[in-house]
N, C-alpha and C. Protein backbone atom coordinates (compact mmCIF):
# COMPACT_ATOMS: atom_id res chain seq x y z
N MET A 1 135.22 97.63 109.11
CA MET A 1 135.64 95.54 108.43
C MET A 1 136.99 95.96 107.86
N ASP A 2 137.55 94.94 107.22
CA ASP A 2 139.01 94.21 106.00
C ASP A 2 137.97 93.65 105.57
N ASN A 3 138.95 93.38 104.08
CA ASN A 3 138.86 92.20 103.81
C ASN A 3 141.06 91.07 103.75
N VAL A 4 140.73 89.95 103.56
CA VAL A 4 141.85 89.27 104.12
C VAL A 4 142.33 89.91 102.25
N THR A 5 143.85 89.88 102.54
CA THR A 5 144.63 90.81 102.01
C THR A 5 145.78 89.91 101.09
N ASP A 6 145.78 88.82 101.79
CA ASP A 6 147.09 87.88 101.15
C ASP A 6 146.82 86.24 102.31
N ALA A 7 146.31 85.95 100.55
CA ALA A 7 145.93 84.55 101.18
C ALA A 7 146.20 83.63 99.68
N ARG A 8 146.66 82.15 101.05
CA ARG A 8 147.91 81.46 100.59
C ARG A 8 147.68 80.08 100.00
N VAL A 9 147.60 79.27 99.48
CA VAL A 9 147.17 78.15 99.65
C VAL A 9 148.25 77.05 99.90
N VAL A 10 148.57 76.11 101.01
CA VAL A 10 149.52 75.64 101.43
C VAL A 10 149.78 73.56 101.36
N LYS A 11 148.97 73.64 101.06
CA LYS A 11 148.73 72.23 100.58
C LYS A 11 147.20 71.40 99.57
N GLY A 12 147.42 72.25 97.75
CA GLY A 12 146.79 71.90 96.93
C GLY A 12 145.87 70.43 96.74
N LEU A 13 144.45 71.46 96.23
CA LEU A 13 144.40 69.99 95.57
C LEU A 13 144.42 69.97 93.95
N GLY A 14 144.13 70.97 93.45
CA GLY A 14 144.80 71.25 92.05
C GLY A 14 143.42 70.88 91.46
N TYR A 15 142.68 70.92 90.04
CA TYR A 15 141.23 71.27 89.71
C TYR A 15 140.83 72.97 90.09
N GLY A 16 141.57 73.75 89.98
CA GLY A 16 141.05 74.60 89.52
C GLY A 16 140.78 75.30 90.97
N LEU A 17 140.21 73.83 92.16
CA LEU A 17 140.40 73.83 93.30
C LEU A 17 140.47 75.38 94.51
N ASP A 18 141.41 75.19 94.61
CA ASP A 18 143.10 75.69 95.09
C ASP A 18 142.52 77.63 94.32
N GLU A 19 143.17 78.20 93.70
CA GLU A 19 141.84 79.54 92.87
C GLU A 19 141.15 79.39 93.34
N GLU A 20 140.16 78.95 93.74
CA GLU A 20 138.90 79.26 93.69
C GLU A 20 138.71 78.88 95.27
N ALA A 21 139.80 79.25 96.27
CA ALA A 21 139.74 78.69 97.65
C ALA A 21 140.37 79.82 98.11
N VAL A 22 141.31 80.35 97.17
CA VAL A 22 142.23 81.92 96.86
C VAL A 22 141.34 82.86 97.19
N LYS A 23 140.06 82.82 96.36
CA LYS A 23 139.12 84.25 95.82
C LYS A 23 138.37 84.20 97.09
N ILE A 24 137.35 83.05 97.02
CA ILE A 24 136.83 82.71 98.85
C ILE A 24 136.72 83.37 100.15
N ALA A 25 138.26 82.81 99.54
CA ALA A 25 139.31 83.97 101.23
C ALA A 25 139.69 85.16 100.74
N LYS A 26 139.50 85.42 100.05
CA LYS A 26 139.79 87.47 99.57
C LYS A 26 138.48 88.13 99.99
N THR A 27 137.37 87.25 100.37
CA THR A 27 135.49 87.39 99.62
C THR A 27 135.79 88.09 101.69
N TRP A 28 136.46 87.25 102.79
CA TRP A 28 135.83 87.42 104.14
C TRP A 28 136.18 88.71 104.58
N LYS A 29 135.60 89.01 105.68
CA LYS A 29 135.79 90.14 105.72
C LYS A 29 135.94 90.35 107.90
N PHE A 30 136.63 90.56 108.33
CA PHE A 30 137.88 90.89 109.60
C PHE A 30 137.69 92.25 110.01
N LYS A 31 137.13 91.78 111.42
CA LYS A 31 138.15 92.37 112.44
C LYS A 31 139.46 92.93 112.60
N PRO A 32 140.14 94.12 111.89
CA PRO A 32 141.64 93.49 112.34
C PRO A 32 142.21 93.86 113.20
N ALA A 33 143.14 93.06 113.86
CA ALA A 33 143.82 92.77 116.02
C ALA A 33 143.88 93.87 116.20
N THR A 34 144.32 94.62 117.05
CA THR A 34 144.72 96.07 117.50
C THR A 34 145.21 95.63 118.45
N GLN A 35 146.61 96.39 118.99
CA GLN A 35 147.65 96.20 120.13
C GLN A 35 147.22 98.36 120.18
N GLY A 36 146.85 98.56 121.54
CA GLY A 36 147.02 99.76 121.07
C GLY A 36 146.16 100.96 120.18
N ASN A 37 145.08 100.28 120.36
CA ASN A 37 143.39 100.68 118.99
C ASN A 37 144.32 100.31 118.14
N LYS A 38 145.53 100.06 117.65
CA LYS A 38 146.02 100.19 116.87
C LYS A 38 147.05 98.49 115.68
N PRO A 39 145.81 98.64 114.49
CA PRO A 39 145.93 97.97 113.70
C PRO A 39 147.13 97.33 113.51
N VAL A 40 147.41 95.93 113.21
CA VAL A 40 148.52 94.94 114.17
C VAL A 40 148.29 93.85 112.62
N PRO A 41 149.52 93.46 111.54
CA PRO A 41 149.08 92.49 110.99
C PRO A 41 149.66 91.55 112.45
N LEU A 42 148.16 90.21 111.14
CA LEU A 42 147.56 89.12 112.02
C LEU A 42 147.86 88.06 110.70
N SER A 43 148.28 87.08 111.10
CA SER A 43 148.88 85.58 110.72
C SER A 43 147.77 85.22 111.07
N LEU A 44 147.07 84.17 109.83
CA LEU A 44 145.73 83.06 110.56
C LEU A 44 146.06 81.80 109.49
N MET A 45 145.77 80.53 109.64
CA MET A 45 145.83 79.95 108.50
C MET A 45 144.25 79.09 108.96
N ALA A 46 143.14 78.66 107.80
CA ALA A 46 142.26 78.35 108.33
C ALA A 46 142.00 77.00 106.42
N VAL A 47 140.86 76.51 106.65
CA VAL A 47 140.96 74.97 106.69
C VAL A 47 139.33 75.59 105.00
N VAL A 48 139.75 75.20 104.45
CA VAL A 48 138.34 75.31 103.01
C VAL A 48 138.56 73.85 102.90
N SER A 49 136.77 74.10 103.09
CA SER A 49 136.49 72.27 102.58
C SER A 49 135.72 72.39 101.29
N PHE A 50 135.82 72.20 100.52
CA PHE A 50 134.53 71.20 99.46
C PHE A 50 133.48 69.89 99.49
N ARG A 51 132.22 70.81 98.91
CA ARG A 51 131.40 69.16 98.63
C ARG A 51 131.07 69.83 97.38
N LEU A 52 131.02 68.13 96.64
CA LEU A 52 131.29 67.81 95.18
C LEU A 52 129.61 67.32 95.31
N ASN A 53 128.85 68.09 94.80
CA ASN A 53 126.78 67.92 94.37
C ASN A 53 126.98 67.52 93.35
N GLU A 54 126.14 66.40 93.34
CA GLU A 54 126.27 65.95 91.70
C GLU A 54 125.02 66.69 91.55
């Protein structure tokens, strides 16, 4: 399993949430995409939601 290496914010919210989303995304684990049993680059867009608790 590999970690995300290049996470970027497409539409930022500010208030430190953008940095937090990148930090969390870089902890995600995934099985690399392969072609002919060799890893290949893959690009993916994911939505990160925040829940603010009182």
